[in-house]
N, C-alpha and C. Protein backbone atom coordinates (compact mmCIF):
# COMPACT_ATOMS: atom_id res chain seq x y z
N MET A 1 90.84 -32.90 -25.78
CA MET A 1 90.23 -31.64 -26.18
C MET A 1 89.72 -31.77 -27.61
N ALA A 2 88.54 -31.27 -27.86
CA ALA A 2 87.94 -31.35 -29.19
C ALA A 2 88.63 -30.36 -30.13
N ALA A 3 88.76 -30.79 -31.37
CA ALA A 3 89.37 -29.92 -32.38
C ALA A 3 88.43 -28.77 -32.71
N LYS A 4 89.04 -27.59 -32.96
CA LYS A 4 88.23 -26.44 -33.33
C LYS A 4 87.73 -26.64 -34.76
N PRO A 5 86.48 -26.28 -35.00
CA PRO A 5 85.98 -26.40 -36.37
C PRO A 5 86.70 -25.39 -37.27
N LYS A 6 86.90 -25.79 -38.53
CA LYS A 6 87.54 -24.88 -39.46
C LYS A 6 86.57 -23.75 -39.79
N ILE A 7 87.11 -22.57 -39.88
CA ILE A 7 86.28 -21.40 -40.15
C ILE A 7 86.33 -21.08 -41.65
N ASN A 8 85.19 -20.77 -42.19
CA ASN A 8 85.11 -20.27 -43.55
C ASN A 8 85.11 -18.75 -43.41
N VAL A 9 86.22 -18.13 -43.72
CA VAL A 9 86.38 -16.70 -43.49
C VAL A 9 85.34 -15.90 -44.27
N GLU A 10 85.07 -16.31 -45.49
CA GLU A 10 84.08 -15.58 -46.30
C GLU A 10 82.70 -15.60 -45.63
N LYS A 11 82.28 -16.77 -45.16
CA LYS A 11 80.98 -16.87 -44.50
C LYS A 11 80.97 -16.11 -43.17
N ALA A 12 82.08 -16.18 -42.44
CA ALA A 12 82.17 -15.45 -41.18
C ALA A 12 82.07 -13.95 -41.42
N PHE A 13 82.73 -13.48 -42.47
CA PHE A 13 82.68 -12.05 -42.78
C PHE A 13 81.27 -11.65 -43.18
N GLU A 14 80.59 -12.50 -43.96
CA GLU A 14 79.20 -12.21 -44.34
C GLU A 14 78.31 -12.12 -43.11
N GLU A 15 78.52 -13.04 -42.16
CA GLU A 15 77.72 -13.01 -40.94
C GLU A 15 78.02 -11.75 -40.12
N LEU A 16 79.29 -11.36 -40.08
CA LEU A 16 79.64 -10.12 -39.39
C LEU A 16 78.97 -8.92 -40.04
N GLU A 17 78.93 -8.90 -41.37
CA GLU A 17 78.25 -7.81 -42.07
C GLU A 17 76.76 -7.79 -41.73
N SER A 18 76.17 -8.97 -41.63
CA SER A 18 74.75 -9.07 -41.29
C SER A 18 74.50 -8.55 -39.88
N ILE A 19 75.37 -8.90 -38.96
CA ILE A 19 75.24 -8.42 -37.57
C ILE A 19 75.39 -6.91 -37.53
N THR A 20 76.37 -6.40 -38.27
CA THR A 20 76.58 -4.95 -38.31
C THR A 20 75.34 -4.25 -38.86
N ALA A 21 74.77 -4.80 -39.92
CA ALA A 21 73.56 -4.21 -40.52
C ALA A 21 72.41 -4.22 -39.52
N TRP A 22 72.29 -5.28 -38.74
CA TRP A 22 71.22 -5.37 -37.73
C TRP A 22 71.36 -4.22 -36.73
N PHE A 23 72.60 -3.99 -36.26
CA PHE A 23 72.82 -2.91 -35.30
C PHE A 23 72.57 -1.54 -35.93
N GLU A 24 72.94 -1.39 -37.20
CA GLU A 24 72.74 -0.12 -37.88
C GLU A 24 71.26 0.22 -38.07
N ARG A 25 70.42 -0.80 -38.12
CA ARG A 25 68.98 -0.56 -38.24
C ARG A 25 68.40 0.04 -36.96
N GLY A 26 69.16 -0.06 -35.88
CA GLY A 26 68.74 0.54 -34.62
C GLY A 26 67.67 -0.24 -33.88
N GLU A 27 67.61 -1.55 -34.10
CA GLU A 27 66.64 -2.35 -33.36
C GLU A 27 67.01 -2.32 -31.88
N VAL A 28 66.00 -2.42 -31.03
CA VAL A 28 66.22 -2.17 -29.61
C VAL A 28 66.05 -3.42 -28.74
N ASP A 29 66.11 -4.57 -29.31
CA ASP A 29 65.98 -5.80 -28.53
C ASP A 29 67.33 -6.06 -27.83
N LEU A 30 67.41 -5.72 -26.56
CA LEU A 30 68.68 -5.81 -25.84
C LEU A 30 69.21 -7.24 -25.73
N ASP A 31 68.32 -8.19 -25.48
CA ASP A 31 68.76 -9.58 -25.38
C ASP A 31 69.33 -10.07 -26.71
N GLU A 32 68.63 -9.77 -27.78
CA GLU A 32 69.10 -10.17 -29.12
C GLU A 32 70.40 -9.43 -29.45
N GLY A 33 70.45 -8.15 -29.10
CA GLY A 33 71.66 -7.37 -29.34
C GLY A 33 72.87 -7.94 -28.62
N LEU A 34 72.67 -8.37 -27.40
CA LEU A 34 73.77 -8.96 -26.64
C LEU A 34 74.25 -10.25 -27.29
N LYS A 35 73.31 -11.07 -27.75
CA LYS A 35 73.68 -12.33 -28.43
C LYS A 35 74.45 -12.03 -29.71
N LYS A 36 73.97 -11.05 -30.47
CA LYS A 36 74.63 -10.70 -31.73
C LYS A 36 76.01 -10.10 -31.47
N PHE A 37 76.13 -9.30 -30.43
CA PHE A 37 77.41 -8.71 -30.06
C PHE A 37 78.42 -9.82 -29.71
N GLU A 38 77.99 -10.77 -28.90
CA GLU A 38 78.86 -11.88 -28.52
C GLU A 38 79.27 -12.70 -29.74
N ARG A 39 78.31 -12.99 -30.61
CA ARG A 39 78.60 -13.77 -31.82
C ARG A 39 79.59 -13.00 -32.71
N GLY A 40 79.39 -11.71 -32.81
CA GLY A 40 80.30 -10.89 -33.60
C GLY A 40 81.73 -10.95 -33.08
N LEU A 41 81.88 -10.90 -31.77
CA LEU A 41 83.22 -11.00 -31.18
C LEU A 41 83.83 -12.38 -31.43
N GLU A 42 83.00 -13.43 -31.35
CA GLU A 42 83.49 -14.78 -31.64
C GLU A 42 83.98 -14.88 -33.08
N LEU A 43 83.18 -14.35 -34.00
CA LEU A 43 83.56 -14.40 -35.42
C LEU A 43 84.82 -13.60 -35.69
N ALA A 44 84.90 -12.41 -35.10
CA ALA A 44 86.08 -11.57 -35.30
C ALA A 44 87.34 -12.26 -34.76
N ALA A 45 87.22 -12.89 -33.60
CA ALA A 45 88.37 -13.60 -33.02
C ALA A 45 88.79 -14.77 -33.90
N ALA A 46 87.81 -15.51 -34.42
CA ALA A 46 88.12 -16.64 -35.29
C ALA A 46 88.79 -16.18 -36.59
N CYS A 47 88.30 -15.08 -37.14
CA CYS A 47 88.90 -14.54 -38.37
C CYS A 47 90.33 -14.06 -38.09
N LYS A 48 90.53 -13.42 -36.96
CA LYS A 48 91.85 -12.94 -36.59
C LYS A 48 92.82 -14.11 -36.44
N GLU A 49 92.36 -15.17 -35.80
CA GLU A 49 93.19 -16.36 -35.62
C GLU A 49 93.55 -16.99 -36.97
N LYS A 50 92.56 -17.08 -37.86
CA LYS A 50 92.79 -17.65 -39.19
C LYS A 50 93.78 -16.79 -39.97
N LEU A 51 93.63 -15.48 -39.88
CA LEU A 51 94.54 -14.58 -40.57
C LEU A 51 95.97 -14.76 -40.06
N ALA A 52 96.13 -14.92 -38.76
CA ALA A 52 97.46 -15.14 -38.18
C ALA A 52 98.06 -16.45 -38.71
N GLU A 53 97.23 -17.50 -38.83
CA GLU A 53 97.71 -18.77 -39.37
C GLU A 53 98.20 -18.59 -40.81
N ILE A 54 97.42 -17.85 -41.58
CA ILE A 54 97.79 -17.62 -42.99
C ILE A 54 99.07 -16.79 -43.08
N GLU A 55 99.19 -15.77 -42.24
CA GLU A 55 100.40 -14.96 -42.25
C GLU A 55 101.62 -15.80 -41.89
N ASN A 56 101.48 -16.70 -40.92
CA ASN A 56 102.59 -17.59 -40.55
C ASN A 56 102.96 -18.51 -41.70
N LYS A 57 101.96 -19.03 -42.39
CA LYS A 57 102.20 -19.93 -43.52
C LYS A 57 102.91 -19.18 -44.65
N VAL A 58 102.48 -17.95 -44.92
CA VAL A 58 103.14 -17.14 -45.95
C VAL A 58 104.60 -16.90 -45.57
N SER A 59 104.86 -16.61 -44.31
CA SER A 59 106.24 -16.40 -43.85
C SER A 59 107.08 -17.66 -44.05
N GLU A 60 106.49 -18.82 -43.74
CA GLU A 60 107.20 -20.09 -43.93
C GLU A 60 107.52 -20.31 -45.40
N ILE A 61 106.58 -20.03 -46.27
CA ILE A 61 106.78 -20.22 -47.71
C ILE A 61 107.86 -19.27 -48.21
N LYS A 62 107.82 -18.03 -47.75
CA LYS A 62 108.83 -17.06 -48.17
C LYS A 62 110.22 -17.49 -47.73
N LYS A 63 110.34 -18.00 -46.49
CA LYS A 63 111.64 -18.47 -45.99
C LYS A 63 112.13 -19.65 -46.83
N LYS A 64 111.21 -20.53 -47.19
CA LYS A 64 111.56 -21.72 -47.96
C LYS A 64 112.16 -21.33 -49.31
N PHE A 65 111.65 -20.29 -49.92
CA PHE A 65 112.11 -19.89 -51.24
C PHE A 65 112.99 -18.64 -51.23
N ASP A 66 113.46 -18.28 -50.05
CA ASP A 66 114.24 -17.05 -49.90
C ASP A 66 115.52 -17.06 -50.74
N GLY A 67 116.20 -18.15 -50.80
CA GLY A 67 117.47 -18.20 -51.52
C GLY A 67 117.33 -18.65 -52.97
N VAL A 68 116.13 -18.83 -53.43
CA VAL A 68 115.93 -19.37 -54.79
C VAL A 68 116.06 -18.29 -55.82
C-alpha cells in the first residue's frame, strides 16, 4: 500500500477557504461545484486526521512528563 502524502494543514486550510469563497460567490457550475465539494471533504478529512495525530502526540508527551 502506498504511503499517504503528508498534509500541510496551513495550505489545506487555505484551499478550504478558497473553496468556501467560491461557493459564497454563488457560481452555478454544478460540475465544478461537485468537484470542489468533494475536494473540500477530502481536505477536511485530512485535516481532521492530522489533528487527531497531533492530539495523540500531545497526550503521549504529557504522559511522558506527568511525574516530572
